Every structure is written in C-alpha cells, then in structure tokens.
Amino acid sequence: EFIDSYYFNKLEYTRFSSSVGKFVGFTEYGVRNAEYWNNDASFLSAMRAQKEVYCLNHVPVYYNNVLTKS
C-alpha cells in the first residue's frame, strides 16, 4: 500500500492511500485540498501510479535486506 501524508505542526491534514484511491482530508483545510486534488484527474492518476513506481520496485530490495540480517 502506498500512503502519502501531508502534515503541518505535527497534525495530519490530508492523506492519499492507494487502497482508497483518492485523497482524504482530516481538517477543514485538508478537506478542501482533498476535494481539489481529487477533482484533478491528471494529479490523481499520477498518485495512483506511485504504487507501481515506488513500492513494487523498492519493497523486494528492502525485504531481502531484512531477511539477510536476521
């Protein structure tokens, strides 16, 4: 799962989760950002693609490193 969280003063205001497939806001400002970003189809599709770009390429490397050190 790919999660991209946005914080200000240690308070999470917006999060993108690949399992949900869209942005979710937790504060008033975060809800406005989430609505704006969810309505931008190109930005939303780019965030959905981040799971394949980042997770699928890096997780096997990290997983193998953990297994060899234990």
Protein backbone atom coordinates (compact mmCIF):
# COMPACT_ATOMS: atom_id res chain seq x y z
CA GLU A 1 0.00 0.00 0.00
CA PHE A 2 1.26 3.46 -0.90
CA ILE A 3 0.41 6.26 1.57
CA ASP A 4 1.34 9.90 1.08
CA SER A 5 0.53 12.02 4.13
CA TYR A 6 0.68 15.79 4.49
CA TYR A 7 1.38 17.34 7.89
CA PHE A 8 1.54 20.80 9.39
CA ASN A 9 2.60 21.36 13.03
CA LYS A 10 2.56 17.58 13.64
CA LEU A 11 -1.09 17.39 12.55
CA GLU A 12 -2.01 15.29 9.53
CA TYR A 13 -4.40 17.26 7.35
CA THR A 14 -4.54 15.23 4.11
CA ARG A 15 -3.64 11.67 3.10
CA PHE A 16 -3.56 9.74 -0.16
CA SER A 17 -3.94 5.99 0.22
CA SER A 18 -3.57 3.62 -2.72
CA SER A 19 -6.11 1.24 -1.19
CA VAL A 20 -8.74 4.03 -1.16
CA GLY A 21 -7.51 5.50 -4.45
CA LYS A 22 -8.14 9.12 -3.54
CA PHE A 23 -7.22 11.88 -1.10
CA VAL A 24 -8.93 12.12 2.28
CA GLY A 25 -8.94 15.28 4.39
CA PHE A 26 -8.83 15.30 8.19
CA THR A 27 -9.10 19.04 8.87
CA GLU A 28 -11.11 21.80 7.22
CA TYR A 29 -8.07 22.83 5.18
CA GLY A 30 -7.32 19.18 4.39
CA VAL A 31 -10.85 18.52 3.16
CA ARG A 32 -10.59 21.48 0.76
CA ASN A 33 -7.22 20.23 -0.51
CA ALA A 34 -8.56 16.70 -0.91
CA GLU A 35 -11.57 17.91 -2.91
CA TYR A 36 -9.34 19.99 -5.16
CA TRP A 37 -6.80 17.21 -5.73
CA ASN A 38 -9.48 14.54 -6.26
CA ASN A 39 -11.05 16.70 -8.99
CA ASP A 40 -7.71 16.97 -10.84
CA ALA A 41 -7.71 13.77 -12.92
CA SER A 42 -4.07 14.00 -14.02
CA PHE A 43 -2.75 14.53 -10.47
CA LEU A 44 -4.95 11.75 -9.11
CA SER A 45 -3.81 9.27 -11.76
CA ALA A 46 -0.18 10.22 -11.10
CA MET A 47 -0.65 9.48 -7.39
CA ARG A 48 -2.32 6.16 -8.19
CA ALA A 49 0.69 5.24 -10.35
CA GLN A 50 3.12 5.90 -7.49
CA LYS A 51 2.38 2.47 -6.01
CA GLU A 52 3.80 0.76 -9.08
CA VAL A 53 6.63 3.26 -9.44
CA TYR A 54 7.85 3.24 -5.87
CA CYS A 55 6.53 0.23 -3.95
CA LEU A 56 6.84 -2.55 -6.49
CA ASN A 57 10.46 -1.63 -7.28
CA HIS A 58 11.73 -0.99 -3.75
CA VAL A 59 9.88 -3.41 -1.48
CA PRO A 60 11.64 -6.58 -2.74
CA VAL A 61 15.05 -4.96 -2.17
CA TYR A 62 14.20 -3.87 1.38
CA TYR A 63 12.55 -7.20 2.14
CA ASN A 64 15.62 -9.18 1.04
CA ASN A 65 17.91 -6.93 3.09
CA VAL A 66 15.83 -7.55 6.21
CA LEU A 67 15.86 -11.29 5.67
CA THR A 68 19.63 -11.47 5.28
CA LYS A 69 20.27 -9.53 8.51
CA SER A 70 18.05 -11.61 10.75
